[in-house]
Amino acid sequence: MRPGRAEPHGEGAAALAAAGAAHFLDALATVRGLIAAPDPPLSDAVVTLRPWQSEDIPALVDCIDGDEEMTRWLDMIPQPYRENEARLWVDQATSFWREGSAAPFAILAAGSGEVVGGVGFRWLGEEEAVGEVGYWLRARDRGRGLTTRSVELISRWAIEELGCERLQLRADEENVSSQRVAEKAGFMREGVLRSAHYNVRLDRRVDYVMYSLLPSELPGRVA
């Protein structure tokens, strides 16, 4: 929930997509209306997005454990990443959906049904209809455009179904792959948030590139 080449990224809402630590997850609950899971699941015949399930725990461990590149950017994700961490995330993700407070999705390869990553949405403010998206993908599936497809799916859903008027995405200024995903998905680079976060793993404060997507900028949508 988090990173062109589909890389771990989207440092803001990526905590919703990725399996973050419990203390961080508590901060992600939001205040804008209840969010219901889409039915049928979001899909473009290449990737499918659906809520996390307990059956996904082994796949989560396989995707995240030992991936130092992913957790370099997403420092809220524990490493090593084992069954207990995966179970904690699935429980938290389930509670988000039950409460209608956030929307963490598993990314599945549509053909095989295999879990390959995660993407998430959360509201940042009820009054202004501003939301945020984040994402990550397992190492062996990066470079296939799956993350971009997933971001496009969740972005259209957030704007057209949830009424999001401004969708934000943040990426570490050094995470070029994450920035490429944002740009390929149609997000506009707005600027840099200087010293926006202290990354424990890197032991330094990091700058975030801020991106946004507006309803009028969705492909095929008339302003």
Protein backbone atom coordinates (compact mmCIF):
# COMPACT_ATOMS: atom_id res chain seq x y z
CA MET A 1 0.00 0.00 0.00
CA ARG A 2 3.67 1.00 -2.40
CA PRO A 3 6.90 1.11 -5.80
CA GLY A 4 7.13 1.77 -15.38
CA ARG A 5 8.42 -1.43 -14.41
CA ALA A 6 5.99 -2.69 -11.80
CA GLU A 7 7.94 -2.10 -8.65
CA PRO A 8 7.08 -1.77 -4.97
CA HIS A 9 5.84 1.73 -4.57
CA GLY A 10 3.15 4.31 -3.90
CA GLU A 11 4.53 5.14 -0.50
CA GLY A 12 1.32 6.74 0.76
CA ALA A 13 -1.58 4.29 0.50
CA ALA A 14 0.75 1.43 -0.17
CA ALA A 15 0.36 0.51 3.45
CA LEU A 16 -3.17 -0.50 2.50
CA ALA A 17 -1.90 -2.70 -0.26
CA ALA A 18 1.17 -4.01 1.50
CA ALA A 19 1.22 -5.79 4.81
CA GLY A 20 2.26 -3.09 7.21
CA ALA A 21 2.92 -3.13 10.93
CA ALA A 22 -0.08 -2.88 13.26
CA HIS A 23 0.79 0.53 14.67
CA PHE A 24 0.93 1.97 11.16
CA LEU A 25 -2.28 0.32 10.04
CA ASP A 26 -4.23 1.99 12.82
CA ALA A 27 -3.43 5.36 11.27
CA LEU A 28 -5.01 4.45 7.94
CA ALA A 29 -8.66 4.42 9.01
CA THR A 30 -10.43 7.27 7.26
CA VAL A 31 -13.52 9.40 7.72
CA ARG A 32 -15.31 9.53 4.38
CA GLY A 33 -18.37 7.25 4.04
CA LEU A 34 -18.34 3.48 3.93
CA ILE A 35 -16.48 1.75 1.11
CA ALA A 36 -18.04 -1.42 -0.24
CA ALA A 37 -16.09 -4.04 -2.17
CA PRO A 38 -16.92 -3.96 -5.90
CA ASP A 39 -19.06 -6.83 -7.14
CA PRO A 40 -18.02 -8.28 -9.51
CA PRO A 41 -14.32 -7.75 -8.73
CA LEU A 42 -12.41 -5.17 -10.75
CA SER A 43 -10.71 -6.78 -13.76
CA ASP A 44 -9.37 -6.01 -17.20
CA ALA A 45 -8.88 -9.69 -18.16
CA VAL A 46 -5.16 -9.43 -17.35
CA VAL A 47 -5.32 -8.51 -13.66
CA THR A 48 -8.14 -8.86 -11.15
CA LEU A 49 -8.50 -6.91 -7.89
CA ARG A 50 -10.36 -8.43 -4.96
CA PRO A 51 -10.24 -8.13 -1.15
CA TRP A 52 -7.57 -10.10 0.72
CA GLN A 53 -8.56 -13.55 2.02
CA SER A 54 -7.05 -15.88 4.61
CA GLU A 55 -6.14 -18.25 1.79
CA ASP A 56 -3.72 -15.57 0.54
CA ILE A 57 -1.38 -15.87 3.54
CA PRO A 58 1.13 -18.27 1.88
CA ALA A 59 1.15 -16.11 -1.26
CA LEU A 60 1.81 -12.97 0.80
CA VAL A 61 4.83 -14.61 2.42
CA ASP A 62 6.08 -15.76 -0.98
CA CYS A 63 5.64 -12.27 -2.44
CA ILE A 64 7.23 -10.23 0.35
CA ASP A 65 9.62 -12.28 2.48
CA GLY A 66 13.21 -11.45 1.58
CA ASP A 67 12.35 -8.75 -0.96
CA GLU A 68 14.75 -6.06 0.18
CA GLU A 69 13.99 -3.85 -2.82
CA MET A 70 10.34 -3.66 -1.86
CA THR A 71 10.95 -2.98 1.79
CA ARG A 72 13.62 -0.41 1.00
CA TRP A 73 10.82 1.86 -0.16
CA LEU A 74 8.02 0.52 2.05
CA ASP A 75 9.69 0.65 5.42
CA MET A 76 6.46 -0.12 7.30
CA ILE A 77 6.58 -3.70 5.97
CA PRO A 78 8.39 -6.09 8.33
CA GLN A 79 11.39 -8.10 7.15
CA PRO A 80 11.62 -11.02 7.46
CA TYR A 81 8.00 -11.45 6.50
CA ARG A 82 6.47 -14.69 7.73
CA GLU A 83 3.06 -16.23 8.35
CA ASN A 84 2.33 -14.16 11.46
CA GLU A 85 2.95 -10.89 9.60
CA ALA A 86 0.81 -12.04 6.68
CA ARG A 87 -2.01 -13.12 8.96
CA LEU A 88 -1.91 -9.77 10.75
CA TRP A 89 -2.27 -7.95 7.44
CA VAL A 90 -5.16 -10.11 6.19
CA ASP A 91 -6.98 -9.58 9.50
CA GLN A 92 -6.43 -5.83 9.29
CA ALA A 93 -7.45 -5.67 5.63
CA THR A 94 -10.61 -7.63 6.41
CA SER A 95 -11.46 -5.18 9.19
CA PHE A 96 -11.00 -2.23 6.83
CA TRP A 97 -13.52 -3.73 4.43
CA ARG A 98 -15.91 -4.69 7.22
CA GLU A 99 -15.80 -1.14 8.60
CA GLY A 100 -15.90 0.39 5.11
CA SER A 101 -12.95 2.61 6.02
CA ALA A 102 -10.41 1.69 3.33
CA ALA A 103 -10.00 -0.53 0.27
CA PRO A 104 -7.02 -2.90 0.25
CA PHE A 105 -7.02 -5.26 -2.74
CA ALA A 106 -4.97 -8.30 -3.68
CA ILE A 107 -3.75 -8.19 -7.29
CA LEU A 108 -4.34 -11.50 -9.08
CA ALA A 109 -3.12 -12.63 -12.46
CA ALA A 110 -6.50 -13.03 -14.14
CA GLY A 111 -5.55 -16.15 -16.07
CA SER A 112 -4.15 -18.19 -13.18
CA GLY A 113 -5.75 -16.53 -10.17
CA GLU A 114 -2.32 -16.28 -8.56
CA VAL A 115 -1.68 -13.44 -6.11
CA VAL A 116 1.10 -11.22 -7.49
CA GLY A 117 0.80 -8.01 -5.46
CA GLY A 118 -1.42 -5.48 -3.76
CA VAL A 119 -3.04 -2.12 -4.40
CA GLY A 120 -5.05 0.05 -2.03
CA PHE A 121 -7.19 3.17 -1.73
CA ARG A 122 -8.01 5.37 1.25
CA TRP A 123 -9.74 8.68 1.79
CA LEU A 124 -7.60 11.57 2.98
CA GLY A 125 -10.48 13.93 3.75
CA GLU A 126 -14.24 13.62 3.69
CA GLU A 127 -15.06 17.22 2.89
CA GLU A 128 -12.83 17.61 -0.16
CA ALA A 129 -13.24 14.11 -1.68
CA VAL A 130 -9.48 13.60 -1.87
CA GLY A 131 -8.14 10.05 -1.87
CA GLU A 132 -4.81 8.26 -2.15
CA VAL A 133 -3.64 5.10 -3.86
CA GLY A 134 -0.59 2.88 -3.33
CA TYR A 135 0.72 -0.39 -4.68
CA TRP A 136 3.39 -3.10 -4.75
CA LEU A 137 4.19 -6.13 -6.90
CA ARG A 138 6.28 -9.23 -6.31
CA ALA A 139 9.75 -9.22 -7.81
CA ARG A 140 9.37 -11.86 -10.52
CA ASP A 141 6.33 -10.16 -12.07
CA ARG A 142 7.77 -6.65 -12.33
CA GLY A 143 8.27 -5.21 -15.78
CA ARG A 144 5.08 -6.70 -17.25
CA GLY A 145 2.80 -3.70 -16.80
CA LEU A 146 0.65 -5.41 -14.15
CA THR A 147 1.03 -2.63 -11.60
CA THR A 148 0.03 0.04 -14.11
CA ARG A 149 -3.07 -1.96 -15.03
CA SER A 150 -3.97 -2.33 -11.36
CA VAL A 151 -3.54 1.37 -10.66
CA GLU A 152 -5.70 2.22 -13.67
CA LEU A 153 -8.45 -0.12 -12.44
CA ILE A 154 -8.52 1.15 -8.87
CA SER A 155 -8.26 4.79 -10.00
CA ARG A 156 -11.29 4.54 -12.29
CA TRP A 157 -13.25 2.78 -9.55
CA ALA A 158 -12.32 5.39 -6.94
CA ILE A 159 -13.30 8.26 -9.20
CA GLU A 160 -16.39 6.84 -10.90
CA GLU A 161 -17.86 4.72 -8.10
CA LEU A 162 -16.63 6.39 -4.90
CA GLY A 163 -16.80 9.96 -6.15
CA CYS A 164 -13.15 10.82 -5.62
CA GLU A 165 -12.44 14.29 -7.05
CA ARG A 166 -8.68 14.23 -6.55
CA LEU A 167 -6.67 11.02 -6.37
CA GLN A 168 -3.14 11.36 -5.01
CA LEU A 169 -0.09 9.13 -5.22
CA ARG A 170 3.27 9.62 -3.53
CA ALA A 171 6.58 8.00 -4.46
CA ASP A 172 10.07 8.33 -3.02
CA GLU A 173 12.01 10.74 -5.21
CA GLU A 174 14.65 8.04 -5.75
CA ASN A 175 12.10 5.36 -6.64
CA VAL A 176 12.08 6.00 -10.39
CA SER A 177 10.14 2.80 -11.16
CA SER A 178 7.27 3.87 -8.95
CA GLN A 179 7.17 7.25 -10.64
CA ARG A 180 6.96 5.56 -14.04
CA VAL A 181 3.97 3.53 -12.90
CA ALA A 182 2.21 6.71 -11.79
CA GLU A 183 2.90 8.46 -15.09
CA LYS A 184 1.86 5.48 -17.22
CA ALA A 185 -1.39 5.30 -15.26
CA GLY A 186 -2.13 8.91 -16.18
CA PHE A 187 -1.13 10.71 -12.99
CA MET A 188 0.36 14.19 -13.27
CA ARG A 189 3.53 15.09 -11.41
CA GLU A 190 2.91 18.16 -9.26
CA GLY A 191 6.11 18.64 -7.29
CA VAL A 192 8.23 17.32 -4.45
CA LEU A 193 7.30 17.09 -0.77
CA ARG A 194 10.64 17.73 0.87
CA SER A 195 11.67 15.75 3.95
CA ALA A 196 8.18 14.26 4.16
CA HIS A 197 9.02 10.99 5.91
CA TYR A 198 11.72 9.39 8.02
CA ASN A 199 12.60 6.00 6.50
CA VAL A 200 13.85 3.79 9.31
CA ARG A 201 15.54 1.28 7.02
CA LEU A 202 17.40 3.94 5.08
CA ASP A 203 18.05 5.92 8.28
CA ARG A 204 17.27 9.20 6.56
CA ARG A 205 14.45 11.55 5.77
CA VAL A 206 13.08 11.14 2.26
CA ASP A 207 11.43 13.40 -0.30
CA TYR A 208 8.19 12.29 -1.95
CA VAL A 209 7.15 13.15 -5.49
CA MET A 210 3.46 14.09 -5.44
CA TYR A 211 1.21 12.95 -8.27
CA SER A 212 -2.50 13.46 -8.80
CA LEU A 213 -5.29 12.33 -11.11
CA LEU A 214 -8.56 14.23 -11.63
CA PRO A 215 -11.86 12.87 -13.00
CA SER A 216 -11.49 14.79 -16.26
CA GLU A 217 -8.14 13.09 -16.86
CA LEU A 218 -9.49 9.53 -16.95
CA PRO A 219 -9.11 8.06 -20.46
CA GLY A 220 -12.38 8.24 -22.37
CA ARG A 221 -14.06 10.51 -19.84
CA VAL A 222 -15.54 13.83 -20.97
CA ALA A 223 -14.82 16.76 -18.62
